[in-house]
N, C-alpha and C. Protein backbone atom coordinates (compact mmCIF):
# COMPACT_ATOMS: atom_id res chain seq x y z
N MET A 1 -71.55 62.03 -44.38
CA MET A 1 -72.12 61.77 -45.67
C MET A 1 -72.91 60.46 -45.61
N GLU A 2 -74.03 60.44 -46.24
CA GLU A 2 -74.87 59.25 -46.25
C GLU A 2 -74.19 58.11 -47.02
N LYS A 3 -74.51 56.89 -46.63
CA LYS A 3 -73.85 55.71 -47.22
C LYS A 3 -74.02 55.64 -48.74
N LYS A 4 -75.23 55.88 -49.21
CA LYS A 4 -75.47 55.80 -50.66
C LYS A 4 -74.68 56.87 -51.40
N ALA A 5 -74.62 58.05 -50.83
CA ALA A 5 -73.87 59.14 -51.46
C ALA A 5 -72.38 58.81 -51.48
N GLN A 6 -71.88 58.22 -50.41
CA GLN A 6 -70.47 57.84 -50.38
C GLN A 6 -70.19 56.76 -51.40
N MET A 7 -71.08 55.79 -51.53
CA MET A 7 -70.88 54.72 -52.51
C MET A 7 -70.90 55.29 -53.92
N GLN A 8 -71.80 56.21 -54.19
CA GLN A 8 -71.84 56.84 -55.52
C GLN A 8 -70.56 57.61 -55.80
N LYS A 9 -70.02 58.25 -54.78
CA LYS A 9 -68.76 58.98 -54.94
C LYS A 9 -67.62 58.01 -55.27
N ILE A 10 -67.59 56.88 -54.59
CA ILE A 10 -66.55 55.86 -54.85
C ILE A 10 -66.73 55.30 -56.26
N ILE A 11 -67.97 55.01 -56.65
CA ILE A 11 -68.23 54.50 -58.00
C ILE A 11 -67.76 55.49 -59.05
N GLY A 12 -67.99 56.77 -58.80
CA GLY A 12 -67.53 57.79 -59.73
C GLY A 12 -66.02 57.86 -59.86
N MET A 13 -65.31 57.47 -58.81
CA MET A 13 -63.85 57.53 -58.83
C MET A 13 -63.22 56.29 -59.45
N VAL A 14 -63.78 55.10 -59.15
CA VAL A 14 -63.10 53.86 -59.57
C VAL A 14 -63.95 52.92 -60.42
N GLY A 15 -65.20 53.20 -60.60
CA GLY A 15 -66.08 52.30 -61.34
C GLY A 15 -66.85 51.39 -60.40
N ARG A 16 -67.95 50.84 -60.91
CA ARG A 16 -68.88 50.08 -60.08
C ARG A 16 -68.26 48.81 -59.50
N GLU A 17 -67.69 47.98 -60.35
CA GLU A 17 -67.15 46.69 -59.89
C GLU A 17 -66.01 46.88 -58.90
N LYS A 18 -65.11 47.79 -59.21
CA LYS A 18 -63.97 48.04 -58.32
C LYS A 18 -64.46 48.65 -57.00
N ALA A 19 -65.47 49.50 -57.05
CA ALA A 19 -66.01 50.11 -55.83
C ALA A 19 -66.60 49.04 -54.91
N ILE A 20 -67.36 48.12 -55.49
CA ILE A 20 -67.95 47.05 -54.69
C ILE A 20 -66.85 46.21 -54.06
N ASP A 21 -65.84 45.87 -54.82
CA ASP A 21 -64.73 45.06 -54.32
C ASP A 21 -63.99 45.78 -53.18
N LEU A 22 -63.69 47.06 -53.38
CA LEU A 22 -62.97 47.82 -52.35
C LEU A 22 -63.77 47.94 -51.06
N VAL A 23 -65.06 48.21 -51.17
CA VAL A 23 -65.90 48.37 -49.99
C VAL A 23 -66.05 47.04 -49.26
N MET A 24 -66.21 45.96 -50.01
CA MET A 24 -66.32 44.65 -49.37
C MET A 24 -65.04 44.29 -48.62
N GLN A 25 -63.89 44.56 -49.22
CA GLN A 25 -62.63 44.28 -48.55
C GLN A 25 -62.47 45.14 -47.29
N ALA A 26 -62.83 46.41 -47.39
CA ALA A 26 -62.73 47.30 -46.24
C ALA A 26 -63.70 46.88 -45.14
N TYR A 27 -64.90 46.45 -45.52
CA TYR A 27 -65.90 46.00 -44.56
C TYR A 27 -65.40 44.75 -43.82
N ASN A 28 -64.85 43.80 -44.58
CA ASN A 28 -64.31 42.59 -43.96
C ASN A 28 -63.19 42.94 -42.98
N THR A 29 -62.36 43.88 -43.34
CA THR A 29 -61.28 44.32 -42.46
C THR A 29 -61.84 44.94 -41.19
N GLU A 30 -62.86 45.76 -41.31
CA GLU A 30 -63.49 46.37 -40.14
C GLU A 30 -64.09 45.31 -39.22
N MET A 31 -64.74 44.32 -39.80
CA MET A 31 -65.35 43.26 -39.00
C MET A 31 -64.28 42.46 -38.25
N LEU A 32 -63.21 42.09 -38.96
CA LEU A 32 -62.13 41.33 -38.32
C LEU A 32 -61.44 42.14 -37.23
N THR A 33 -61.23 43.40 -37.49
CA THR A 33 -60.59 44.27 -36.49
C THR A 33 -61.43 44.34 -35.23
N THR A 34 -62.74 44.49 -35.39
CA THR A 34 -63.64 44.55 -34.24
C THR A 34 -63.59 43.24 -33.45
N LEU A 35 -63.64 42.12 -34.15
CA LEU A 35 -63.63 40.83 -33.47
C LEU A 35 -62.29 40.57 -32.78
N LEU A 36 -61.19 40.92 -33.41
CA LEU A 36 -59.88 40.69 -32.82
C LEU A 36 -59.67 41.54 -31.57
N HIS A 37 -60.17 42.77 -31.60
CA HIS A 37 -60.03 43.62 -30.41
C HIS A 37 -60.79 43.03 -29.22
N ARG A 38 -61.90 42.38 -29.50
CA ARG A 38 -62.67 41.78 -28.41
C ARG A 38 -61.99 40.56 -27.83
N LEU A 39 -61.20 39.87 -28.65
CA LEU A 39 -60.58 38.62 -28.21
C LEU A 39 -59.17 38.78 -27.64
N GLU A 40 -58.60 39.98 -27.76
CA GLU A 40 -57.23 40.19 -27.29
C GLU A 40 -57.09 39.88 -25.81
N GLU A 41 -55.98 39.25 -25.46
CA GLU A 41 -55.69 39.00 -24.06
C GLU A 41 -55.35 40.33 -23.39
N GLY A 42 -55.62 40.39 -22.12
CA GLY A 42 -55.33 41.61 -21.38
C GLY A 42 -56.45 42.62 -21.42
N LYS A 43 -57.52 42.29 -22.12
CA LYS A 43 -58.67 43.18 -22.18
C LYS A 43 -59.92 42.40 -21.78
N PRO A 44 -59.99 41.96 -20.54
CA PRO A 44 -61.10 41.09 -20.13
C PRO A 44 -62.46 41.76 -20.18
N ASN A 45 -62.55 43.05 -19.97
CA ASN A 45 -63.85 43.73 -19.95
C ASN A 45 -64.35 44.06 -21.33
N LEU A 46 -63.50 43.92 -22.33
CA LEU A 46 -63.89 44.32 -23.67
C LEU A 46 -64.97 43.42 -24.26
N ILE A 47 -64.97 42.15 -23.87
CA ILE A 47 -65.97 41.24 -24.41
C ILE A 47 -67.36 41.59 -23.87
N THR A 48 -67.43 41.98 -22.62
CA THR A 48 -68.73 42.33 -22.06
C THR A 48 -69.13 43.77 -22.41
N LYS A 49 -68.16 44.64 -22.60
CA LYS A 49 -68.45 46.02 -22.99
C LYS A 49 -68.51 46.07 -24.50
N PHE A 50 -69.66 46.35 -25.05
CA PHE A 50 -69.78 46.38 -26.50
C PHE A 50 -70.19 47.77 -26.93
N ASN A 51 -69.31 48.41 -27.66
CA ASN A 51 -69.63 49.71 -28.25
C ASN A 51 -70.05 49.46 -29.68
N ARG A 52 -71.31 49.68 -29.96
CA ARG A 52 -71.82 49.42 -31.31
C ARG A 52 -71.24 50.43 -32.28
N ARG A 53 -70.61 49.88 -33.32
CA ARG A 53 -70.06 50.70 -34.38
C ARG A 53 -70.73 50.32 -35.68
N ASP A 54 -70.76 51.23 -36.59
CA ASP A 54 -71.29 50.95 -37.92
C ASP A 54 -70.09 50.63 -38.82
N GLN A 55 -69.78 49.33 -38.94
CA GLN A 55 -68.61 48.92 -39.70
C GLN A 55 -68.73 49.29 -41.18
N LEU A 56 -69.93 49.27 -41.72
CA LEU A 56 -70.11 49.64 -43.12
C LEU A 56 -69.76 51.11 -43.33
N GLN A 57 -70.20 51.97 -42.42
CA GLN A 57 -69.89 53.39 -42.53
C GLN A 57 -68.38 53.61 -42.39
N ASP A 58 -67.76 52.90 -41.47
CA ASP A 58 -66.31 53.00 -41.31
C ASP A 58 -65.59 52.54 -42.57
N ALA A 59 -66.08 51.46 -43.19
CA ALA A 59 -65.46 50.95 -44.41
C ALA A 59 -65.61 51.95 -45.55
N LEU A 60 -66.80 52.52 -45.69
CA LEU A 60 -67.01 53.53 -46.73
C LEU A 60 -66.10 54.73 -46.52
N ASN A 61 -66.00 55.19 -45.27
CA ASN A 61 -65.12 56.32 -44.98
C ASN A 61 -63.68 56.01 -45.35
N ARG A 62 -63.23 54.81 -45.02
CA ARG A 62 -61.86 54.40 -45.31
C ARG A 62 -61.61 54.38 -46.81
N VAL A 63 -62.53 53.82 -47.58
CA VAL A 63 -62.35 53.74 -49.04
C VAL A 63 -62.38 55.12 -49.66
N VAL A 64 -63.28 55.99 -49.21
CA VAL A 64 -63.33 57.36 -49.75
C VAL A 64 -62.00 58.07 -49.47
N GLU A 65 -61.49 57.94 -48.27
CA GLU A 65 -60.21 58.58 -47.92
C GLU A 65 -59.09 58.10 -48.83
N VAL A 66 -59.02 56.79 -49.05
CA VAL A 66 -57.96 56.23 -49.89
C VAL A 66 -58.12 56.69 -51.34
N CYS A 67 -59.35 56.68 -51.84
CA CYS A 67 -59.58 57.12 -53.21
C CYS A 67 -59.21 58.60 -53.39
N GLU A 68 -59.53 59.41 -52.41
CA GLU A 68 -59.19 60.84 -52.51
C GLU A 68 -57.68 61.05 -52.46
N LEU A 69 -56.97 60.20 -51.74
CA LEU A 69 -55.51 60.32 -51.69
C LEU A 69 -54.86 59.97 -53.03
N THR A 70 -55.47 59.03 -53.75
CA THR A 70 -54.87 58.57 -55.00
C THR A 70 -55.22 59.42 -56.19
N LEU A 71 -56.14 60.35 -56.06
CA LEU A 71 -56.52 61.21 -57.20
C LEU A 71 -55.64 62.42 -57.31
């Protein structure tokens, strides 16, 4: 699902302000998770090996999943 469509779906479920807050929190979590995985000890090649992920898309997916569970 496209990012804008997912955001509209979230807005429809929880409202605009709450949707923005939830997505921002999920995005921050995705960013921190990515950075922490790179810094973990015992994974020396992880810093040089970079798999580009779309953290915003992952955050939107996570919020949509949670919203659908609560309805």
